[in-house]
C-alpha atoms as a PDB file:
ATOM      1  CA  MET A   1       0.000   0.000   0.000  1.00  0.00           C
ATOM      2  CA  SER A   2       1.489   3.321  -0.979  1.00  0.00           C
ATOM      3  CA  GLU A   3       0.656   6.314   1.109  1.00  0.00           C
ATOM      4  CA  GLN A   4      -0.585   9.302  -0.888  1.00  0.00           C
ATOM      5  CA  SER A   5       1.343  12.460  -0.062  1.00  0.00           C
ATOM      6  CA  HIS A   6      -0.529  15.545   1.073  1.00  0.00           C
ATOM      7  CA  PRO A   7      -0.033  18.928  -0.552  1.00  0.00           C
ATOM      8  CA  LYS A   8       2.468  21.251   1.066  1.00  0.00           C
ATOM      9  CA  LYS A   9       0.376  23.762   3.003  1.00  0.00           C
ATOM     10  CA  TRP A  10       2.485  26.769   2.100  1.00  0.00           C
ATOM     11  CA  LYS A  11       2.266  25.949  -1.617  1.00  0.00           C
ATOM     12  CA  PHE A  12      -1.482  25.448  -1.445  1.00  0.00           C
ATOM     13  CA  ALA A  13      -1.907  28.707   0.483  1.00  0.00           C
ATOM     14  CA  LEU A  14       0.204  30.536  -2.094  1.00  0.00           C
ATOM     15  CA  LEU A  15      -1.859  29.179  -4.992  1.00  0.00           C
ATOM     16  CA  VAL A  16      -5.158  29.975  -3.272  1.00  0.00           C
ATOM     17  CA  TRP A  17      -3.941  33.514  -2.647  1.00  0.00           C
ATOM     18  CA  CYS A  18      -2.798  33.872  -6.276  1.00  0.00           C
ATOM     19  CA  PHE A  19      -6.245  32.855  -7.490  1.00  0.00           C
ATOM     20  CA  ILE A  20      -8.361  34.600  -4.865  1.00  0.00           C
ATOM     21  CA  TYR A  21      -6.658  38.006  -4.970  1.00  0.00           C
ATOM     22  CA  PRO A  22      -7.650  38.869  -8.563  1.00  0.00           C
ATOM     23  CA  VAL A  23     -11.200  37.623  -7.991  1.00  0.00           C
ATOM     24  CA  ILE A  24     -11.587  39.754  -4.847  1.00  0.00           C
ATOM     25  CA  THR A  25     -10.203  42.751  -6.717  1.00  0.00           C
ATOM     26  CA  LEU A  26     -12.521  42.218  -9.679  1.00  0.00           C
ATOM     27  CA  LEU A  27     -15.578  41.656  -7.486  1.00  0.00           C
ATOM     28  CA  THR A  28     -14.743  44.757  -5.491  1.00  0.00           C
ATOM     29  CA  MET A  29     -14.461  46.847  -8.643  1.00  0.00           C
ATOM     30  CA  LEU A  30     -17.653  45.466 -10.189  1.00  0.00           C
ATOM     31  CA  VAL A  31     -19.957  44.940  -7.222  1.00  0.00           C
ATOM     32  CA  ILE A  32     -19.066  47.496  -4.548  1.00  0.00           C
ATOM     33  CA  PRO A  33     -20.290  50.519  -6.568  1.00  0.00           C
ATOM     34  CA  PHE A  34     -23.778  48.984  -6.484  1.00  0.00           C
ATOM     35  CA  LEU A  35     -23.538  48.218  -2.764  1.00  0.00           C
ATOM     36  CA  ILE A  36     -21.922  51.438  -1.575  1.00  0.00           C
ATOM     37  CA  ASP A  37     -24.934  52.442   0.524  1.00  0.00           C
ATOM     38  CA  LEU A  38     -24.978  49.147   2.434  1.00  0.00           C
ATOM     39  CA  PRO A  39     -23.078  48.629   5.694  1.00  0.00           C
ATOM     40  CA  ILE A  40     -19.646  47.020   5.307  1.00  0.00           C
ATOM     41  CA  PRO A  41     -20.681  43.724   6.968  1.00  0.00           C
ATOM     42  CA  LEU A  42     -23.484  43.320   4.437  1.00  0.00           C
ATOM     43  CA  ARG A  43     -21.143  44.173   1.537  1.00  0.00           C
ATOM     44  CA  THR A  44     -18.614  41.575   2.647  1.00  0.00           C
ATOM     45  CA  LEU A  45     -21.407  39.037   3.133  1.00  0.00           C
ATOM     46  CA  ILE A  46     -22.543  39.518  -0.457  1.00  0.00           C
ATOM     47  CA  ILE A  47     -18.975  39.292  -1.809  1.00  0.00           C
ATOM     48  CA  SER A  48     -18.324  36.143   0.247  1.00  0.00           C
ATOM     49  CA  LEU A  49     -21.556  34.561  -1.044  1.00  0.00           C
ATOM     50  CA  VAL A  50     -20.053  34.817  -4.527  1.00  0.00           C
ATOM     51  CA  LEU A  51     -16.434  34.088  -3.660  1.00  0.00           C
ATOM     52  CA  VAL A  52     -16.759  31.003  -1.457  1.00  0.00           C
ATOM     53  CA  PRO A  53     -18.748  28.848  -3.917  1.00  0.00           C
ATOM     54  CA  LEU A  54     -16.488  30.013  -6.738  1.00  0.00           C
ATOM     55  CA  MET A  55     -13.443  28.863  -4.778  1.00  0.00           C
ATOM     56  CA  ALA A  56     -15.019  25.621  -3.541  1.00  0.00           C
ATOM     57  CA  PHE A  57     -16.447  24.422  -6.838  1.00  0.00           C
ATOM     58  CA  PHE A  58     -14.074  25.863  -9.423  1.00  0.00           C
ATOM     59  CA  TYR A  59     -10.762  27.230  -8.193  1.00  0.00           C
ATOM     60  CA  ILE A  60      -9.816  24.641  -5.551  1.00  0.00           C
ATOM     61  CA  PRO A  61     -10.501  21.662  -7.850  1.00  0.00           C
ATOM     62  CA  PHE A  62      -8.635  23.446 -10.660  1.00  0.00           C
ATOM     63  CA  ILE A  63      -5.653  24.159  -8.384  1.00  0.00           C
ATOM     64  CA  ASN A  64      -5.573  20.569  -7.154  1.00  0.00           C
ATOM     65  CA  LYS A  65      -5.714  19.166 -10.681  1.00  0.00           C
ATOM     66  CA  LYS A  66      -3.356  21.571 -12.449  1.00  0.00           C
ATOM     67  CA  PHE A  67      -0.744  21.815  -9.700  1.00  0.00           C
ATOM     68  CA  TYR A  68      -1.025  18.295  -8.226  1.00  0.00           C
ATOM     69  CA  ASN A  69       2.618  17.307  -8.740  1.00  0.00           C
ATOM     70  CA  TRP A  70       4.087  20.650  -7.707  1.00  0.00           C
ATOM     71  CA  LEU A  71       1.989  20.757  -4.529  1.00  0.00           C
ATOM     72  CA  ARG A  72       3.414  17.410  -3.417  1.00  0.00           C
ATOM     73  CA  LYS A  73       7.118  18.005  -4.183  1.00  0.00           C
END
């Protein structure tokens, strides 16, 4: 039985940051002007309702697939 290696946490964190930063920036530029009158907690709630599913269903699987070997070196 071979034991499957786990991704290096620092590499995974770096990749997540590299993918999440542009999305946060884009969402902020596109969405915040429409939400400017809302309180900050409500604005961040709305942004997170978009960002979290995007990360969970698209970016994280993409990162794991595309960078599988590099994450485990």
